Amino acid sequence: GLRLLLRAVLDGRTDAHVRAGFMFENIVTPLIRELRREAELPDLA
């Protein structure tokens, strides 16, 4: 999977951008949401 993703990125395939978006929504967003909650900062909404 790692090799395929890197190859797709290097080839400029849109599949890689879709996967990156998936990672963003499922790892980055929940991580920041939780860090904000812990710090009592405004939520993402």
ModelCIF file with pLDDT and N, C-alpha, C, O atoms, coordinates in Angstrom:
data_MODEL
#
_entry.id   MODEL 
#
_entity.id                         1 
_entity.type                       polymer 
_entity.pdbx_number_of_molecules   1 
#
_entity_poly.entity_id                      1 
_entity_poly.type                           'polypeptide(L)' 
_entity_poly.nstd_linkage                   no 
_entity_poly.nstd_monomer                   no 
_entity_poly.pdbx_seq_one_letter_code       GLRLLLRAVLDGRTDAHVRAGFMFENIVTPLIRELRREAELPDLA 
_entity_poly.pdbx_seq_one_letter_code_can   GLRLLLRAVLDGRTDAHVRAGFMFENIVTPLIRELRREAELPDLA 
_entity_poly.pdbx_strand_id                 A 
#
loop_
_entity_poly_seq.entity_id 
_entity_poly_seq.num 
_entity_poly_seq.mon_id 
_entity_poly_seq.hetero 
1 1  GLY n 
1 2  LEU n 
1 3  ARG n 
1 4  LEU n 
1 5  LEU n 
1 6  LEU n 
1 7  ARG n 
1 8  ALA n 
1 9  VAL n 
1 10 LEU n 
1 11 ASP n 
1 12 GLY n 
1 13 ARG n 
1 14 THR n 
1 15 ASP n 
1 16 ALA n 
1 17 HIS n 
1 18 VAL n 
1 19 ARG n 
1 20 ALA n 
1 21 GLY n 
1 22 PHE n 
1 23 MET n 
1 24 PHE n 
1 25 GLU n 
1 26 ASN n 
1 27 ILE n 
1 28 VAL n 
1 29 THR n 
1 30 PRO n 
1 31 LEU n 
1 32 ILE n 
1 33 ARG n 
1 34 GLU n 
1 35 LEU n 
1 36 ARG n 
1 37 ARG n 
1 38 GLU n 
1 39 ALA n 
1 40 GLU n 
1 41 LEU n 
1 42 PRO n 
1 43 ASP n 
1 44 LEU n 
1 45 ALA n 
#
_struct_asym.id          A 
_struct_asym.entity_id   1 
#
loop_
_ma_qa_metric.id 
_ma_qa_metric.mode 
_ma_qa_metric.name 
_ma_qa_metric.software_group_id 
_ma_qa_metric.type 
1 global pLDDT . pLDDT 
2 local  pLDDT . pLDDT 
#
_ma_qa_metric_global.metric_id      1 
_ma_qa_metric_global.metric_value   82.93 
_ma_qa_metric_global.model_id       1 
_ma_qa_metric_global.ordinal_id     1 
#
loop_
_ma_qa_metric_local.label_asym_id 
_ma_qa_metric_local.label_comp_id 
_ma_qa_metric_local.label_seq_id 
_ma_qa_metric_local.metric_id 
_ma_qa_metric_local.metric_value 
_ma_qa_metric_local.model_id 
_ma_qa_metric_local.ordinal_id 
A GLY 1  2 73.00 1 1  
A LEU 2  2 74.00 1 2  
A ARG 3  2 78.00 1 3  
A LEU 4  2 77.00 1 4  
A LEU 5  2 76.00 1 5  
A LEU 6  2 77.00 1 6  
A ARG 7  2 78.00 1 7  
A ALA 8  2 77.00 1 8  
A VAL 9  2 77.00 1 9  
A LEU 10 2 80.00 1 10 
A ASP 11 2 80.00 1 11 
A GLY 12 2 78.00 1 12 
A ARG 13 2 74.00 1 13 
A THR 14 2 72.00 1 14 
A ASP 15 2 67.00 1 15 
A ALA 16 2 67.00 1 16 
A HIS 17 2 68.00 1 17 
A VAL 18 2 70.00 1 18 
A ARG 19 2 70.00 1 19 
A ALA 20 2 72.00 1 20 
A GLY 21 2 75.00 1 21 
A PHE 22 2 76.00 1 22 
A MET 23 2 77.00 1 23 
A PHE 24 2 80.00 1 24 
A GLU 25 2 83.00 1 25 
A ASN 26 2 83.00 1 26 
A ILE 27 2 86.00 1 27 
A VAL 28 2 87.00 1 28 
A THR 29 2 89.00 1 29 
A PRO 30 2 91.00 1 30 
A LEU 31 2 93.00 1 31 
A ILE 32 2 95.00 1 32 
A ARG 33 2 94.00 1 33 
A GLU 34 2 94.00 1 34 
A LEU 35 2 96.00 1 35 
A ARG 36 2 96.00 1 36 
A ARG 37 2 94.00 1 37 
A GLU 38 2 93.00 1 38 
A ALA 39 2 95.00 1 39 
A GLU 40 2 95.00 1 40 
A LEU 41 2 97.00 1 41 
A PRO 42 2 95.00 1 42 
A ASP 43 2 95.00 1 43 
A LEU 44 2 94.00 1 44 
A ALA 45 2 94.00 1 45 
#
loop_
_atom_site.group_PDB 
_atom_site.id 
_atom_site.type_symbol 
_atom_site.label_atom_id 
_atom_site.label_alt_id 
_atom_site.label_comp_id 
_atom_site.label_asym_id 
_atom_site.label_entity_id 
_atom_site.label_seq_id 
_atom_site.pdbx_PDB_ins_code 
_atom_site.Cartn_x 
_atom_site.Cartn_y 
_atom_site.Cartn_z 
_atom_site.occupancy 
_atom_site.B_iso_or_equiv 
_atom_site.pdbx_formal_charge 
_atom_site.auth_seq_id 
_atom_site.auth_comp_id 
_atom_site.auth_asym_id 
_atom_site.auth_atom_id 
_atom_site.pdbx_PDB_model_num 
ATOM 1   N N  . GLY A 1 1  ? 0.813   -1.207 0.000   1.00 73.00 ? 1  GLY A N  1 
ATOM 2   C CA . GLY A 1 1  ? 0.000   0.000  0.000   1.00 73.00 ? 1  GLY A CA 1 
ATOM 3   C C  . GLY A 1 1  ? 0.847   1.256  0.000   1.00 73.00 ? 1  GLY A C  1 
ATOM 4   O O  . GLY A 1 1  ? 0.536   2.212  -0.710  1.00 73.00 ? 1  GLY A O  1 
ATOM 5   N N  . LEU A 1 2  ? 1.907   1.268  0.782   1.00 74.00 ? 2  LEU A N  1 
ATOM 6   C CA . LEU A 1 2  ? 2.799   2.424  0.843   1.00 74.00 ? 2  LEU A CA 1 
ATOM 7   C C  . LEU A 1 2  ? 3.466   2.651  -0.511  1.00 74.00 ? 2  LEU A C  1 
ATOM 8   O O  . LEU A 1 2  ? 3.516   3.779  -1.001  1.00 74.00 ? 2  LEU A O  1 
ATOM 9   N N  . ARG A 1 3  ? 3.972   1.590  -1.107  1.00 78.00 ? 3  ARG A N  1 
ATOM 10  C CA . ARG A 1 3  ? 4.615   1.714  -2.420  1.00 78.00 ? 3  ARG A CA 1 
ATOM 11  C C  . ARG A 1 3  ? 3.623   2.200  -3.473  1.00 78.00 ? 3  ARG A C  1 
ATOM 12  O O  . ARG A 1 3  ? 3.942   3.062  -4.291  1.00 78.00 ? 3  ARG A O  1 
ATOM 13  N N  . LEU A 1 4  ? 2.427   1.640  -3.443  1.00 77.00 ? 4  LEU A N  1 
ATOM 14  C CA . LEU A 1 4  ? 1.405   2.027  -4.413  1.00 77.00 ? 4  LEU A CA 1 
ATOM 15  C C  . LEU A 1 4  ? 1.022   3.493  -4.243  1.00 77.00 ? 4  LEU A C  1 
ATOM 16  O O  . LEU A 1 4  ? 0.886   4.222  -5.226  1.00 77.00 ? 4  LEU A O  1 
ATOM 17  N N  . LEU A 1 5  ? 0.850   3.919  -3.001  1.00 76.00 ? 5  LEU A N  1 
ATOM 18  C CA . LEU A 1 5  ? 0.497   5.310  -2.743  1.00 76.00 ? 5  LEU A CA 1 
ATOM 19  C C  . LEU A 1 5  ? 1.595   6.251  -3.228  1.00 76.00 ? 5  LEU A C  1 
ATOM 20  O O  . LEU A 1 5  ? 1.312   7.249  -3.889  1.00 76.00 ? 5  LEU A O  1 
ATOM 21  N N  . LEU A 1 6  ? 2.840   5.936  -2.902  1.00 77.00 ? 6  LEU A N  1 
ATOM 22  C CA . LEU A 1 6  ? 3.938   6.804  -3.319  1.00 77.00 ? 6  LEU A CA 1 
ATOM 23  C C  . LEU A 1 6  ? 4.066   6.854  -4.838  1.00 77.00 ? 6  LEU A C  1 
ATOM 24  O O  . LEU A 1 6  ? 4.313   7.914  -5.413  1.00 77.00 ? 6  LEU A O  1 
ATOM 25  N N  . ARG A 1 7  ? 3.900   5.715  -5.475  1.00 78.00 ? 7  ARG A N  1 
ATOM 26  C CA . ARG A 1 7  ? 3.962   5.686  -6.938  1.00 78.00 ? 7  ARG A CA 1 
ATOM 27  C C  . ARG A 1 7  ? 2.834   6.526  -7.536  1.00 78.00 ? 7  ARG A C  1 
ATOM 28  O O  . ARG A 1 7  ? 3.048   7.270  -8.494  1.00 78.00 ? 7  ARG A O  1 
ATOM 29  N N  . ALA A 1 8  ? 1.651   6.406  -6.975  1.00 77.00 ? 8  ALA A N  1 
ATOM 30  C CA . ALA A 1 8  ? 0.514   7.178  -7.475  1.00 77.00 ? 8  ALA A CA 1 
ATOM 31  C C  . ALA A 1 8  ? 0.759   8.671  -7.311  1.00 77.00 ? 8  ALA A C  1 
ATOM 32  O O  . ALA A 1 8  ? 0.418   9.458  -8.194  1.00 77.00 ? 8  ALA A O  1 
ATOM 33  N N  . VAL A 1 9  ? 1.341   9.062  -6.196  1.00 77.00 ? 9  VAL A N  1 
ATOM 34  C CA . VAL A 1 9  ? 1.650   10.478 -5.967  1.00 77.00 ? 9  VAL A CA 1 
ATOM 35  C C  . VAL A 1 9  ? 2.669   10.957 -7.000  1.00 77.00 ? 9  VAL A C  1 
ATOM 36  O O  . VAL A 1 9  ? 2.498   12.011 -7.611  1.00 77.00 ? 9  VAL A O  1 
ATOM 37  N N  . LEU A 1 10 ? 3.723   10.175 -7.186  1.00 80.00 ? 10 LEU A N  1 
ATOM 38  C CA . LEU A 1 10 ? 4.764   10.561 -8.140  1.00 80.00 ? 10 LEU A CA 1 
ATOM 39  C C  . LEU A 1 10 ? 4.236   10.629 -9.570  1.00 80.00 ? 10 LEU A C  1 
ATOM 40  O O  . LEU A 1 10 ? 4.695   11.446 -10.368 1.00 80.00 ? 10 LEU A O  1 
ATOM 41  N N  . ASP A 1 11 ? 3.277   9.775  -9.887  1.00 80.00 ? 11 ASP A N  1 
ATOM 42  C CA . ASP A 1 11 ? 2.678   9.775  -11.220 1.00 80.00 ? 11 ASP A CA 1 
ATOM 43  C C  . ASP A 1 11 ? 1.578   10.821 -11.370 1.00 80.00 ? 11 ASP A C  1 
ATOM 44  O O  . ASP A 1 11 ? 1.048   11.007 -12.465 1.00 80.00 ? 11 ASP A O  1 
ATOM 45  N N  . GLY A 1 12 ? 1.230   11.506 -10.282 1.00 78.00 ? 12 GLY A N  1 
ATOM 46  C CA . GLY A 1 12 ? 0.192   12.523 -10.329 1.00 78.00 ? 12 GLY A CA 1 
ATOM 47  C C  . GLY A 1 12 ? -1.217  11.961 -10.447 1.00 78.00 ? 12 GLY A C  1 
ATOM 48  O O  . GLY A 1 12 ? -2.118  12.641 -10.938 1.00 78.00 ? 12 GLY A O  1 
ATOM 49  N N  . ARG A 1 13 ? -1.412  10.741 -10.006 1.00 74.00 ? 13 ARG A N  1 
ATOM 50  C CA . ARG A 1 13 ? -2.732  10.104 -10.099 1.00 74.00 ? 13 ARG A CA 1 
ATOM 51  C C  . ARG A 1 13 ? -3.693  10.722 -9.098  1.00 74.00 ? 13 ARG A C  1 
ATOM 52  O O  . ARG A 1 13 ? -3.308  11.046 -7.975  1.00 74.00 ? 13 ARG A O  1 
ATOM 53  N N  . THR A 1 14 ? -4.935  10.882 -9.505  1.00 72.00 ? 14 THR A N  1 
ATOM 54  C CA . THR A 1 14 ? -5.941  11.450 -8.610  1.00 72.00 ? 14 THR A CA 1 
ATOM 55  C C  . THR A 1 14 ? -6.286  10.493 -7.479  1.00 72.00 ? 14 THR A C  1 
ATOM 56  O O  . THR A 1 14 ? -6.763  10.936 -6.434  1.00 72.00 ? 14 THR A O  1 
ATOM 57  N N  . ASP A 1 15 ? -6.060  9.193  -7.656  1.00 67.00 ? 15 ASP A N  1 
ATOM 58  C CA . ASP A 1 15 ? -6.324  8.221  -6.588  1.00 67.00 ? 15 ASP A CA 1 
ATOM 59  C C  . ASP A 1 15 ? -5.580  8.618  -5.311  1.00 67.00 ? 15 ASP A C  1 
ATOM 60  O O  . ASP A 1 15 ? -6.111  8.494  -4.208  1.00 67.00 ? 15 ASP A O  1 
ATOM 61  N N  . ALA A 1 16 ? -4.358  9.091  -5.476  1.00 67.00 ? 16 ALA A N  1 
ATOM 62  C CA . ALA A 1 16 ? -3.546  9.463  -4.326  1.00 67.00 ? 16 ALA A CA 1 
ATOM 63  C C  . ALA A 1 16 ? -4.173  10.624 -3.574  1.00 67.00 ? 16 ALA A C  1 
ATOM 64  O O  . ALA A 1 16 ? -4.135  10.659 -2.344  1.00 67.00 ? 16 ALA A O  1 
ATOM 65  N N  . HIS A 1 17 ? -4.748  11.570 -4.296  1.00 68.00 ? 17 HIS A N  1 
ATOM 66  C CA . HIS A 1 17 ? -5.374  12.720 -3.642  1.00 68.00 ? 17 HIS A CA 1 
ATOM 67  C C  . HIS A 1 17 ? -6.639  12.300 -2.901  1.00 68.00 ? 17 HIS A C  1 
ATOM 68  O O  . HIS A 1 17 ? -6.950  12.839 -1.839  1.00 68.00 ? 17 HIS A O  1 
ATOM 69  N N  . VAL A 1 18 ? -7.358  11.351 -3.457  1.00 70.00 ? 18 VAL A N  1 
ATOM 70  C CA . VAL A 1 18 ? -8.547  10.829 -2.782  1.00 70.00 ? 18 VAL A CA 1 
ATOM 71  C C  . VAL A 1 18 ? -8.135  10.165 -1.478  1.00 70.00 ? 18 VAL A C  1 
ATOM 72  O O  . VAL A 1 18 ? -8.772  10.374 -0.446  1.00 70.00 ? 18 VAL A O  1 
ATOM 73  N N  . ARG A 1 19 ? -7.071  9.365  -1.516  1.00 70.00 ? 19 ARG A N  1 
ATOM 74  C CA . ARG A 1 19 ? -6.594  8.686  -0.305  1.00 70.00 ? 19 ARG A CA 1 
ATOM 75  C C  . ARG A 1 19 ? -6.079  9.686  0.718   1.00 70.00 ? 19 ARG A C  1 
ATOM 76  O O  . ARG A 1 19 ? -6.296  9.524  1.919   1.00 70.00 ? 19 ARG A O  1 
ATOM 77  N N  . ALA A 1 20 ? -5.399  10.716 0.243   1.00 72.00 ? 20 ALA A N  1 
ATOM 78  C CA . ALA A 1 20 ? -4.906  11.749 1.155   1.00 72.00 ? 20 ALA A CA 1 
ATOM 79  C C  . ALA A 1 20 ? -6.078  12.453 1.832   1.00 72.00 ? 20 ALA A C  1 
ATOM 80  O O  . ALA A 1 20 ? -6.013  12.767 3.021   1.00 72.00 ? 20 ALA A O  1 
ATOM 81  N N  . GLY A 1 21 ? -7.140  12.701 1.084   1.00 75.00 ? 21 GLY A N  1 
ATOM 82  C CA . GLY A 1 21 ? -8.337  13.305 1.664   1.00 75.00 ? 21 GLY A CA 1 
ATOM 83  C C  . GLY A 1 21 ? -8.966  12.416 2.708   1.00 75.00 ? 21 GLY A C  1 
ATOM 84  O O  . GLY A 1 21 ? -9.449  12.894 3.735   1.00 75.00 ? 21 GLY A O  1 
ATOM 85  N N  . PHE A 1 22 ? -8.960  11.115 2.447   1.00 76.00 ? 22 PHE A N  1 
ATOM 86  C CA . PHE A 1 22 ? -9.474  10.146 3.405   1.00 76.00 ? 22 PHE A CA 1 
ATOM 87  C C  . PHE A 1 22 ? -8.659  10.203 4.701   1.00 76.00 ? 22 PHE A C  1 
ATOM 88  O O  . PHE A 1 22 ? -9.219  10.216 5.797   1.00 76.00 ? 22 PHE A O  1 
ATOM 89  N N  . MET A 1 23 ? -7.340  10.235 4.561   1.00 77.00 ? 23 MET A N  1 
ATOM 90  C CA . MET A 1 23 ? -6.465  10.319 5.735   1.00 77.00 ? 23 MET A CA 1 
ATOM 91  C C  . MET A 1 23 ? -6.734  11.611 6.506   1.00 77.00 ? 23 MET A C  1 
ATOM 92  O O  . MET A 1 23 ? -6.783  11.618 7.736   1.00 77.00 ? 23 MET A O  1 
ATOM 93  N N  . PHE A 1 24 ? -6.905  12.694 5.763   1.00 80.00 ? 24 PHE A N  1 
ATOM 94  C CA . PHE A 1 24 ? -7.140  13.984 6.400   1.00 80.00 ? 24 PHE A CA 1 
ATOM 95  C C  . PHE A 1 24 ? -8.407  13.929 7.243   1.00 80.00 ? 24 PHE A C  1 
ATOM 96  O O  . PHE A 1 24 ? -8.405  14.332 8.406   1.00 80.00 ? 24 PHE A O  1 
ATOM 97  N N  . GLU A 1 25 ? -9.475  13.436 6.657   1.00 83.00 ? 25 GLU A N  1 
ATOM 98  C CA . GLU A 1 25 ? -10.757 13.400 7.360   1.00 83.00 ? 25 GLU A CA 1 
ATOM 99  C C  . GLU A 1 25 ? -10.775 12.399 8.511   1.00 83.00 ? 25 GLU A C  1 
ATOM 100 O O  . GLU A 1 25 ? -11.504 12.601 9.482   1.00 83.00 ? 25 GLU A O  1 
ATOM 101 N N  . ASN A 1 26 ? -10.002 11.343 8.427   1.00 83.00 ? 26 ASN A N  1 
ATOM 102 C CA . ASN A 1 26 ? -10.085 10.283 9.428   1.00 83.00 ? 26 ASN A CA 1 
ATOM 103 C C  . ASN A 1 26 ? -8.952  10.254 10.440  1.00 83.00 ? 26 ASN A C  1 
ATOM 104 O O  . ASN A 1 26 ? -9.019  9.511  11.419  1.00 83.00 ? 26 ASN A O  1 
ATOM 105 N N  . ILE A 1 27 ? -7.913  11.050 10.220  1.00 86.00 ? 27 ILE A N  1 
ATOM 106 C CA . ILE A 1 27 ? -6.838  11.119 11.207  1.00 86.00 ? 27 ILE A CA 1 
ATOM 107 C C  . ILE A 1 27 ? -6.600  12.566 11.635  1.00 86.00 ? 27 ILE A C  1 
ATOM 108 O O  . ILE A 1 27 ? -6.651  12.874 12.826  1.00 86.00 ? 27 ILE A O  1 
ATOM 109 N N  . VAL A 1 28 ? -6.344  13.446 10.687  1.00 87.00 ? 28 VAL A N  1 
ATOM 110 C CA . VAL A 1 28 ? -6.017  14.837 11.026  1.00 87.00 ? 28 VAL A CA 1 
ATOM 111 C C  . VAL A 1 28 ? -7.183  15.521 11.737  1.00 87.00 ? 28 VAL A C  1 
ATOM 112 O O  . VAL A 1 28 ? -7.003  16.104 12.806  1.00 87.00 ? 28 VAL A O  1 
ATOM 113 N N  . THR A 1 29 ? -8.360  15.453 11.156  1.00 89.00 ? 29 THR A N  1 
ATOM 114 C CA . THR A 1 29 ? -9.511  16.145 11.748  1.00 89.00 ? 29 THR A CA 1 
ATOM 115 C C  . THR A 1 29 ? -9.846  15.626 13.144  1.00 89.00 ? 29 THR A C  1 
ATOM 116 O O  . THR A 1 29 ? -10.022 16.438 14.053  1.00 89.00 ? 29 THR A O  1 
ATOM 117 N N  . PRO A 1 30 ? -9.944  14.298 13.363  1.00 91.00 ? 30 PRO A N  1 
ATOM 118 C CA . PRO A 1 30 ? -10.224 13.833 14.727  1.00 91.00 ? 30 PRO A CA 1 
ATOM 119 C C  . PRO A 1 30 ? -9.122  14.199 15.730  1.00 91.00 ? 30 PRO A C  1 
ATOM 120 O O  . PRO A 1 30 ? -9.410  14.483 16.893  1.00 91.00 ? 30 PRO A O  1 
ATOM 121 N N  . LEU A 1 31 ? -7.871  14.192 15.283  1.00 93.00 ? 31 LEU A N  1 
ATOM 122 C CA . LEU A 1 31 ? -6.771  14.554 16.167  1.00 93.00 ? 31 LEU A CA 1 
ATOM 123 C C  . LEU A 1 31 ? -6.904  16.000 16.622  1.00 93.00 ? 31 LEU A C  1 
ATOM 124 O O  . LEU A 1 31 ? -6.793  16.288 17.814  1.00 93.00 ? 31 LEU A O  1 
ATOM 125 N N  . ILE A 1 32 ? -7.138  16.899 15.698  1.00 95.00 ? 32 ILE A N  1 
ATOM 126 C CA . ILE A 1 32 ? -7.270  18.313 16.058  1.00 95.00 ? 32 ILE A CA 1 
ATOM 127 C C  . ILE A 1 32 ? -8.531  18.535 16.889  1.00 95.00 ? 32 ILE A C  1 
ATOM 128 O O  . ILE A 1 32 ? -8.522  19.310 17.846  1.00 95.00 ? 32 ILE A O  1 
ATOM 129 N N  . ARG A 1 33 ? -9.607  17.859 16.525  1.00 94.00 ? 33 ARG A N  1 
ATOM 130 C CA . ARG A 1 33 ? -10.851 17.977 17.304  1.00 94.00 ? 33 ARG A CA 1 
ATOM 131 C C  . ARG A 1 33 ? -10.587 17.605 18.767  1.00 94.00 ? 33 ARG A C  1 
ATOM 132 O O  . ARG A 1 33 ? -11.047 18.291 19.680  1.00 94.00 ? 33 ARG A O  1 
ATOM 133 N N  . GLU A 1 34 ? -9.849  16.522 18.978  1.00 94.00 ? 34 GLU A N  1 
ATOM 134 C CA . GLU A 1 34 ? -9.556  16.068 20.344  1.00 94.00 ? 34 GLU A CA 1 
ATOM 135 C C  . GLU A 1 34 ? -8.605  17.022 21.061  1.00 94.00 ? 34 GLU A C  1 
ATOM 136 O O  . GLU A 1 34 ? -8.799  17.316 22.241  1.00 94.00 ? 34 GLU A O  1 
ATOM 137 N N  . LEU A 1 35 ? -7.585  17.506 20.365  1.00 96.00 ? 35 LEU A N  1 
ATOM 138 C CA . LEU A 1 35 ? -6.665  18.458 20.990  1.00 96.00 ? 35 LEU A CA 1 
ATOM 139 C C  . LEU A 1 35 ? -7.394  19.744 21.377  1.00 96.00 ? 35 LEU A C  1 
ATOM 140 O O  . LEU A 1 35 ? -7.122  20.317 22.432  1.00 96.00 ? 35 LEU A O  1 
ATOM 141 N N  . ARG A 1 36 ? -8.306  20.194 20.539  1.00 96.00 ? 36 ARG A N  1 
ATOM 142 C CA . ARG A 1 36 ? -9.099  21.383 20.884  1.00 96.00 ? 36 ARG A CA 1 
ATOM 143 C C  . ARG A 1 36 ? -9.983  21.107 22.098  1.00 96.00 ? 36 ARG A C  1 
ATOM 144 O O  . ARG A 1 36 ? -10.106 21.952 22.984  1.00 96.00 ? 36 ARG A O  1 
ATOM 145 N N  . ARG A 1 37 ? -10.594 19.931 22.139  1.00 94.00 ? 37 ARG A N  1 
ATOM 146 C CA . ARG A 1 37 ? -11.460 19.588 23.262  1.00 94.00 ? 37 ARG A CA 1 
ATOM 147 C C  . ARG A 1 37 ? -10.662 19.613 24.567  1.00 94.00 ? 37 ARG A C  1 
ATOM 148 O O  . ARG A 1 37 ? -11.110 20.175 25.567  1.00 94.00 ? 37 ARG A O  1 
ATOM 149 N N  . GLU A 1 38 ? -9.475  18.999 24.547  1.00 93.00 ? 38 GLU A N  1 
ATOM 150 C CA . GLU A 1 38 ? -8.623  18.977 25.741  1.00 93.00 ? 38 GLU A CA 1 
ATOM 151 C C  . GLU A 1 38 ? -8.231  20.391 26.179  1.00 93.00 ? 38 GLU A C  1 
ATOM 152 O O  . GLU A 1 38 ? -8.160  20.683 27.373  1.00 93.00 ? 38 GLU A O  1 
ATOM 153 N N  . ALA A 1 39 ? -7.980  21.261 25.203  1.00 95.00 ? 39 ALA A N  1 
ATOM 154 C CA . ALA A 1 39 ? -7.529  22.628 25.503  1.00 95.00 ? 39 ALA A CA 1 
ATOM 155 C C  . ALA A 1 39 ? -8.685  23.593 25.742  1.00 95.00 ? 39 ALA A C  1 
ATOM 156 O O  . ALA A 1 39 ? -8.471  24.779 25.990  1.00 95.00 ? 39 ALA A O  1 
ATOM 157 N N  . GLU A 1 40 ? -9.931  23.071 25.665  1.00 95.00 ? 40 GLU A N  1 
ATOM 158 C CA . GLU A 1 40 ? -11.121 23.886 25.834  1.00 95.00 ? 40 GLU A CA 1 
ATOM 159 C C  . GLU A 1 40 ? -11.167 25.048 24.839  1.00 95.00 ? 40 GLU A C  1 
ATOM 160 O O  . GLU A 1 40 ? -11.524 26.175 25.182  1.00 95.00 ? 40 GLU A O  1 
ATOM 161 N N  . LEU A 1 41 ? -10.793 24.734 23.599  1.00 97.00 ? 41 LEU A N  1 
ATOM 162 C CA . LEU A 1 41 ? -10.857 25.697 22.507  1.00 97.00 ? 41 LEU A CA 1 
ATOM 163 C C  . LEU A 1 41 ? -12.148 25.464 21.725  1.00 97.00 ? 41 LEU A C  1 
ATOM 164 O O  . LEU A 1 41 ? -12.779 24.419 21.884  1.00 97.00 ? 41 LEU A O  1 
ATOM 165 N N  . PRO A 1 42 ? -12.551 26.413 20.888  1.00 95.00 ? 42 PRO A N  1 
ATOM 166 C CA . PRO A 1 42 ? -13.789 26.230 20.107  1.00 95.00 ? 42 PRO A CA 1 
ATOM 167 C C  . PRO A 1 42 ? -13.719 24.962 19.242  1.00 95.00 ? 42 PRO A C  1 
ATOM 168 O O  . PRO A 1 42 ? -12.660 24.608 18.724  1.00 95.00 ? 42 PRO A O  1 
ATOM 169 N N  . ASP A 1 43 ? -14.858 24.294 19.100  1.00 95.00 ? 43 ASP A N  1 
ATOM 170 C CA . ASP A 1 43 ? -14.882 23.086 18.272  1.00 95.00 ? 43 ASP A CA 1 
ATOM 171 C C  . ASP A 1 43 ? -14.800 23.457 16.796  1.00 95.00 ? 43 ASP A C  1 
ATOM 172 O O  . ASP A 1 43 ? -14.895 24.630 16.435  1.00 95.00 ? 43 ASP A O  1 
ATOM 173 N N  . LEU A 1 44 ? -14.622 22.454 15.954  1.00 94.00 ? 44 LEU A N  1 
ATOM 174 C CA . LEU A 1 44 ? -14.437 22.687 14.522  1.00 94.00 ? 44 LEU A CA 1 
ATOM 175 C C  . LEU A 1 44 ? -15.692 23.234 13.842  1.00 94.00 ? 44 LEU A C  1 
ATOM 176 O O  . LEU A 1 44 ? -15.595 23.878 12.798  1.00 94.00 ? 44 LEU A O  1 
ATOM 177 N N  . ALA A 1 45 ? -16.848 22.988 14.414  1.00 94.00 ? 45 ALA A N  1 
ATOM 178 C CA . ALA A 1 45 ? -18.084 23.542 13.851  1.00 94.00 ? 45 ALA A CA 1 
ATOM 179 C C  . ALA A 1 45 ? -18.156 25.052 14.095  1.00 94.00 ? 45 ALA A C  1 
ATOM 180 O O  . ALA A 1 45 ? -19.125 25.697 13.692  1.00 94.00 ? 45 ALA A O  1 
#
